[in-house]
Amino acid sequence: QVQLVESGGGLVQPGGSLRLSCAASGSISNIIRMGWYRQAPGKQRELVASITRGGSTNYGDSMKGRFTISGDNAKNTVYLQMNSLNSEDTAVYYCNLEKILPRNSYWGQGTQVTVSS
């Protein structure tokens, strides 16, 4: 089994920054990608950012230039630095891990990010 432990969410003012962390443990051999998704009330879950074990990154359109994803393969941990936050970034942020052999996808429990003055 795979465990994903997320941290770093909270309340931040518009224009502020937050850093999320997600640490993976358990049966985590053959990881191919880790990333973050978010879901706001009444909206579908959407990609925030992802990173492969090789370091290739992918971002959702509204996050480009504001968010940066990075990873520490030795610690099986990914980080999401979020800058210039606005109210539209308010959502529950979920960590995701994809692995192969067998192919499967795992989700963390989510961490709330609220951007409000």
Protein backbone atom coordinates (compact mmCIF):
# COMPACT_ATOMS: atom_id res chain seq x y z
CA GLN A 1 0.00 0.00 0.00
CA VAL A 2 1.00 3.62 -0.53
CA GLN A 3 0.69 6.43 1.99
CA LEU A 4 0.81 10.10 1.02
CA VAL A 5 1.20 12.66 3.78
CA GLU A 6 0.44 16.24 2.79
CA SER A 7 1.32 19.35 4.72
CA GLY A 8 1.57 23.09 4.33
CA GLY A 9 -1.98 24.18 3.62
CA GLY A 10 -3.70 26.99 5.46
CA LEU A 11 -5.04 30.51 5.26
CA VAL A 12 -3.12 33.13 3.33
CA GLN A 13 -3.87 36.67 2.19
CA PRO A 14 -4.20 37.53 -1.50
CA GLY A 15 -0.77 37.99 -3.01
CA GLY A 16 0.81 35.72 -0.44
CA SER A 17 2.67 32.44 -0.73
CA LEU A 18 2.41 28.92 0.58
CA ARG A 19 4.51 25.80 0.21
CA LEU A 20 2.90 22.39 0.15
CA SER A 21 4.75 19.14 0.77
CA CYS A 22 3.77 15.56 0.04
CA ALA A 23 5.80 12.64 1.36
CA ALA A 24 5.21 9.15 -0.01
CA SER A 25 5.88 5.91 1.84
CA GLY A 26 4.97 2.23 1.62
CA SER A 27 5.05 0.28 -1.64
CA ILE A 28 6.55 3.10 -3.67
CA SER A 29 8.87 1.33 -6.03
CA ASN A 30 8.45 2.20 -9.72
CA ILE A 31 7.08 5.71 -9.19
CA ILE A 32 6.77 7.51 -12.51
CA ARG A 33 5.13 10.78 -11.47
CA MET A 34 3.95 12.75 -8.48
CA GLY A 35 1.92 15.88 -8.49
CA TRP A 36 -0.82 18.06 -7.13
CA TYR A 37 -4.44 18.46 -8.13
CA ARG A 38 -7.02 20.76 -6.61
CA GLN A 39 -10.77 20.87 -6.28
CA ALA A 40 -12.79 23.95 -5.43
CA PRO A 41 -16.42 23.73 -4.27
CA GLY A 42 -18.71 22.96 -7.18
CA LYS A 43 -15.82 22.45 -9.59
CA GLN A 44 -14.04 19.45 -11.06
CA ARG A 45 -10.66 18.36 -9.83
CA GLU A 46 -7.94 19.91 -11.96
CA LEU A 47 -4.22 19.49 -12.46
CA VAL A 48 -2.05 21.96 -10.59
CA ALA A 49 1.38 20.56 -11.39
CA SER A 50 3.18 17.29 -11.79
CA ILE A 51 6.77 16.13 -11.96
CA THR A 52 8.28 12.91 -13.25
CA ARG A 53 11.12 11.04 -11.58
CA GLY A 54 13.32 12.44 -14.31
CA GLY A 55 12.35 16.00 -13.42
CA SER A 56 9.99 16.85 -16.27
CA THR A 57 7.22 19.16 -15.11
CA ASN A 58 3.72 20.00 -16.25
CA TYR A 59 1.46 22.79 -15.01
CA GLY A 60 -2.16 23.75 -15.25
CA ASP A 61 -2.63 26.85 -17.38
CA SER A 62 -3.62 29.20 -14.56
CA MET A 63 -0.65 28.14 -12.43
CA LYS A 64 2.12 28.79 -14.93
CA GLY A 65 4.50 31.45 -13.73
CA ARG A 66 3.11 31.46 -10.19
CA PHE A 67 3.56 27.89 -8.97
CA THR A 68 6.70 25.76 -8.97
CA ILE A 69 6.83 22.04 -8.36
CA SER A 70 10.00 20.28 -7.29
CA GLY A 71 10.89 16.84 -6.07
CA ASP A 72 13.37 15.02 -3.88
CA ASN A 73 13.58 11.48 -5.20
CA ALA A 74 15.67 10.29 -2.27
CA LYS A 75 12.93 11.39 0.13
CA ASN A 76 10.05 10.48 -2.20
CA THR A 77 8.70 13.94 -1.55
CA VAL A 78 7.33 16.64 -3.81
CA TYR A 79 6.95 20.30 -3.02
CA LEU A 80 4.65 22.93 -4.46
CA GLN A 81 5.68 26.54 -4.04
CA MET A 82 2.69 28.77 -4.65
CA ASN A 83 3.19 32.50 -5.11
CA SER A 84 0.89 35.40 -5.96
CA LEU A 85 -2.09 33.53 -4.61
CA ASN A 86 -5.58 34.83 -5.26
CA SER A 87 -9.07 33.85 -4.21
CA GLU A 88 -9.46 31.56 -7.21
CA ASP A 89 -6.69 29.38 -5.79
CA THR A 90 -8.88 28.51 -2.81
CA ALA A 91 -9.43 24.77 -2.95
CA VAL A 92 -8.54 21.44 -1.43
CA TYR A 93 -5.18 20.39 -2.81
CA TYR A 94 -4.56 16.68 -3.31
CA CYS A 95 -1.26 14.93 -3.75
CA ASN A 96 -1.17 12.24 -6.42
CA LEU A 97 1.32 9.47 -7.10
CA GLU A 98 1.47 7.30 -10.21
CA LYS A 99 3.45 4.11 -10.40
CA ILE A 100 3.86 1.15 -12.71
CA LEU A 101 4.29 -2.58 -12.30
CA PRO A 102 1.50 -2.67 -11.51
CA ARG A 103 0.15 0.59 -12.87
CA ASN A 104 -1.82 2.47 -10.24
CA SER A 105 -2.64 5.92 -8.99
CA TYR A 106 -2.88 7.02 -5.37
CA TRP A 107 -4.32 10.10 -3.67
CA GLY A 108 -3.62 11.88 -0.46
CA GLN A 109 -6.39 13.02 1.86
CA GLY A 110 -6.09 16.63 0.75
CA THR A 111 -5.05 19.86 2.39
CA GLN A 112 -7.15 23.01 2.43
CA VAL A 113 -5.75 26.20 0.95
CA THR A 114 -7.81 29.31 1.57
CA VAL A 115 -6.88 32.67 0.08
CA SER A 116 -8.74 35.45 1.81
CA SER A 117 -8.19 38.82 3.41
